[in-house]
Protein backbone atom coordinates (compact mmCIF):
# COMPACT_ATOMS: atom_id res chain seq x y z
CA MET A 1 131.23 254.79 247.07
CA LYS A 2 132.28 254.48 250.72
CA VAL A 3 131.26 250.86 250.78
CA TYR A 4 133.20 250.15 247.68
CA THR A 5 136.43 251.76 249.00
CA MET A 6 136.12 249.95 252.14
CA ALA A 7 135.68 246.70 250.45
CA LEU A 8 138.67 247.33 248.17
CA LEU A 9 140.87 248.30 251.25
CA LEU A 10 139.65 244.93 252.90
CA VAL A 11 140.79 242.99 249.84
CA VAL A 12 144.12 244.66 249.62
CA ALA A 13 144.74 244.15 253.43
CA VAL A 14 143.74 240.45 253.28
CA GLY A 15 146.01 239.91 250.20
CA ALA A 16 148.96 241.54 251.59
CA THR A 17 148.35 239.53 254.85
CA ALA A 18 148.16 236.30 252.65
CA VAL A 19 151.48 237.33 250.98
CA GLN A 20 153.29 237.97 254.15
CA GLY A 21 152.05 234.72 255.57
CA LEU A 22 153.43 233.00 252.50
CA HIS A 23 156.77 234.59 252.70
CA ALA A 24 156.97 233.51 256.43
CA GLN A 25 156.47 230.15 255.35
CA GLY A 26 159.33 230.20 252.94
CA ALA A 27 157.37 230.67 249.80
CA LYS A 28 159.55 232.54 247.12
CA PRO A 29 157.87 235.46 245.29
CA ARG A 30 157.27 234.99 241.70
CA THR A 31 156.56 237.70 238.99
CA TYR A 32 153.56 237.12 236.75
CA ALA A 33 152.16 239.52 234.12
CA VAL A 34 148.84 239.29 232.27
CA ASN A 35 148.71 239.75 228.53
CA GLU A 36 145.71 240.84 226.45
CA ASN A 37 144.34 237.42 226.47
CA ALA A 38 144.23 237.14 230.17
CA VAL A 39 146.87 234.37 230.10
CA ALA A 40 149.34 234.74 233.00
CA GLU A 41 153.06 234.64 231.96
CA PRO A 42 155.74 233.64 234.60
CA ALA A 43 158.75 235.74 234.81
CA ASP A 44 160.81 232.91 233.22
CA LYS A 45 158.57 231.09 230.85
CA ALA A 46 161.48 228.90 229.43
CA ALA A 47 162.39 227.74 232.84
CA LEU A 48 158.74 226.63 233.52
CA LEU A 49 158.54 225.01 229.98
CA SER A 50 162.04 223.15 231.02
CA ALA A 51 160.67 222.08 234.37
CA LEU A 52 157.39 220.71 233.34
CA MET A 53 158.98 219.03 230.23
CA LYS A 54 161.31 217.31 232.63
CA LEU A 55 158.18 216.03 234.77
CA GLU A 56 156.52 214.93 231.28
CA ALA A 57 159.65 212.98 230.32
CA ALA A 58 159.99 211.49 233.83
CA SER A 59 156.14 210.40 233.57
CA TRP A 60 156.82 208.59 230.39
CA GLN A 61 159.98 206.87 231.91
CA SER A 62 157.80 205.85 234.86
CA LEU A 63 155.27 204.17 232.62
CA LYS A 64 157.95 202.35 230.74
CA ASP A 65 159.42 201.23 234.14
CA ARG A 66 156.05 200.41 235.47
CA ASN A 67 156.72 202.55 238.44
CA VAL A 68 153.28 202.79 239.88
CA SER A 69 154.50 204.81 242.87
CA ALA A 70 156.13 207.50 240.87
CA MET A 71 153.02 207.73 238.52
CA ASN A 72 150.73 207.93 241.73
CA LYS A 73 152.77 210.97 242.85
CA TYR A 74 152.75 212.51 239.29
CA LEU A 75 149.01 212.44 238.58
CA ALA A 76 146.55 214.66 240.44
CA ASP A 77 143.88 212.71 242.20
CA ASP A 78 141.16 213.68 239.62
CA ALA A 79 143.38 213.33 236.62
CA VAL A 80 142.20 212.14 233.26
CA LEU A 81 144.22 210.56 230.52
CA ILE A 82 142.80 210.46 226.91
CA PHE A 83 144.82 208.49 224.35
CA GLY A 84 144.95 208.86 220.52
CA SER A 85 143.06 205.48 220.28
CA GLY A 86 140.17 207.00 222.17
CA ILE A 87 140.72 204.91 225.22
CA HIS A 88 140.53 207.16 228.46
CA PHE A 89 141.33 206.61 232.16
CA THR A 90 140.84 208.31 235.49
CA LYS A 91 143.88 208.23 237.68
CA ALA A 92 142.76 205.12 239.45
CA GLU A 93 142.22 203.16 236.27
CA PHE A 94 145.36 204.10 234.84
CA ILE A 95 147.32 203.15 238.04
CA LYS A 96 145.41 199.76 237.91
CA ALA A 97 146.17 199.25 234.07
CA MET A 98 149.70 200.08 234.49
CA PRO A 99 151.15 196.66 234.98
CA ASP A 100 149.67 195.49 231.95
CA ILE A 101 150.99 198.46 229.62
CA ARG A 102 154.24 197.69 228.01
CA LEU A 103 156.12 200.96 226.75
CA ASP A 104 158.90 199.75 224.76
CA SER A 105 160.30 203.23 223.78
CA PHE A 106 159.43 206.93 223.39
CA THR A 107 160.83 210.02 221.72
CA ILE A 108 159.82 213.31 222.79
CA GLU A 109 160.25 215.91 219.87
CA PRO A 110 162.29 218.90 221.19
CA ASN A 111 159.98 221.86 220.06
CA ALA A 112 157.52 221.72 222.93
CA GLU A 113 155.38 224.87 223.52
CA ILE A 114 153.63 226.03 226.83
CA LYS A 115 150.55 228.01 227.51
CA VAL A 116 150.31 229.41 231.02
CA TRP A 117 146.73 230.03 231.87
CA THR A 118 147.21 231.20 235.49
CA PRO A 119 150.23 231.12 238.07
CA GLU A 120 148.80 227.59 238.96
CA VAL A 121 147.94 226.20 235.58
CA ALA A 122 149.91 225.48 232.40
CA THR A 123 149.46 223.29 229.40
CA LEU A 124 152.44 221.75 227.66
CA LEU A 125 152.05 220.99 223.66
CA TYR A 126 154.42 218.57 222.06
CA ARG A 127 154.89 215.72 219.64
CA ILE A 128 155.87 212.29 220.77
CA SER A 129 156.21 208.89 219.18
CA TYR A 130 156.06 205.64 221.21
CA THR A 131 155.90 201.94 220.81
CA SER A 132 153.66 200.19 223.20
CA ALA A 133 151.17 197.32 223.70
CA MET A 134 148.90 195.69 226.28
CA LYS A 135 150.33 192.70 228.09
CA ASP A 136 152.09 190.35 225.60
CA ALA A 137 150.31 191.75 222.37
CA ASN A 138 152.40 192.90 219.44
CA ALA A 139 153.77 196.51 219.79
CA SER A 140 152.84 199.20 217.60
CA THR A 141 154.33 202.73 217.06
CA THR A 142 152.12 205.75 217.54
CA LYS A 143 152.83 209.46 216.66
CA VAL A 144 150.83 211.97 218.41
CA LEU A 145 150.32 215.57 219.23
CA SER A 146 150.06 215.80 223.18
CA SER A 147 148.65 218.34 225.19
CA SER A 148 149.27 217.91 229.06
CA THR A 149 147.78 220.23 231.60
CA TYR A 150 149.39 220.76 235.06
CA VAL A 151 148.14 222.43 237.97
CA ARG A 152 150.27 223.51 240.91
CA SER A 153 149.03 222.19 244.40
CA ASN A 154 151.06 222.80 247.57
CA GLY A 155 153.87 223.89 245.53
CA ASN A 156 154.04 220.87 243.39
CA TRP A 157 153.19 220.46 239.59
CA LEU A 158 150.57 217.59 239.04
CA SER A 159 149.26 216.37 235.80
CA ALA A 160 145.51 216.91 235.63
CA ILE A 161 144.78 216.21 232.04
CA TYR A 162 146.52 214.33 229.32
CA GLN A 163 145.23 214.25 225.74
CA GLU A 164 146.51 212.94 222.47
CA THR A 165 145.54 213.49 218.88
CA PRO A 166 146.88 211.17 216.33
CA ALA A 167 149.56 212.89 214.11
CA PRO A 168 150.77 211.89 210.49
């Protein structure tokens, strides 16, 4: 029991020191609660949903504008993108393909949802319709259910996994 108590005190001391160090570096404290499903809930879930949906919409605009630099900053280095057609890309493959992707338009439906797994991981769930083509091919309109998982790294949210399922 004495070893267990000492280990617990050590964990608390290390955690407190880490938190103090983060505050000294200017990190803002966040309040999280864990529900019965062990999913972390941020103090302001609506604000996190709004912030991540802004990033998501900006990523679609970056694709439309063929802004490789913005997309490179948006995607995590180990990101995976899986589209409704079955085609999938790593970050490097997607960045390389971007000049050949023509996104003519997109509409994100306003009823997005968010699932917060930990304070550093969250998934957006939303519907989107977009019209696109490869190079000069005829464009087609696609309607999908999208899930987009973000990870927070060095204070920035990055897209780690994007996945689509065709929707009626």
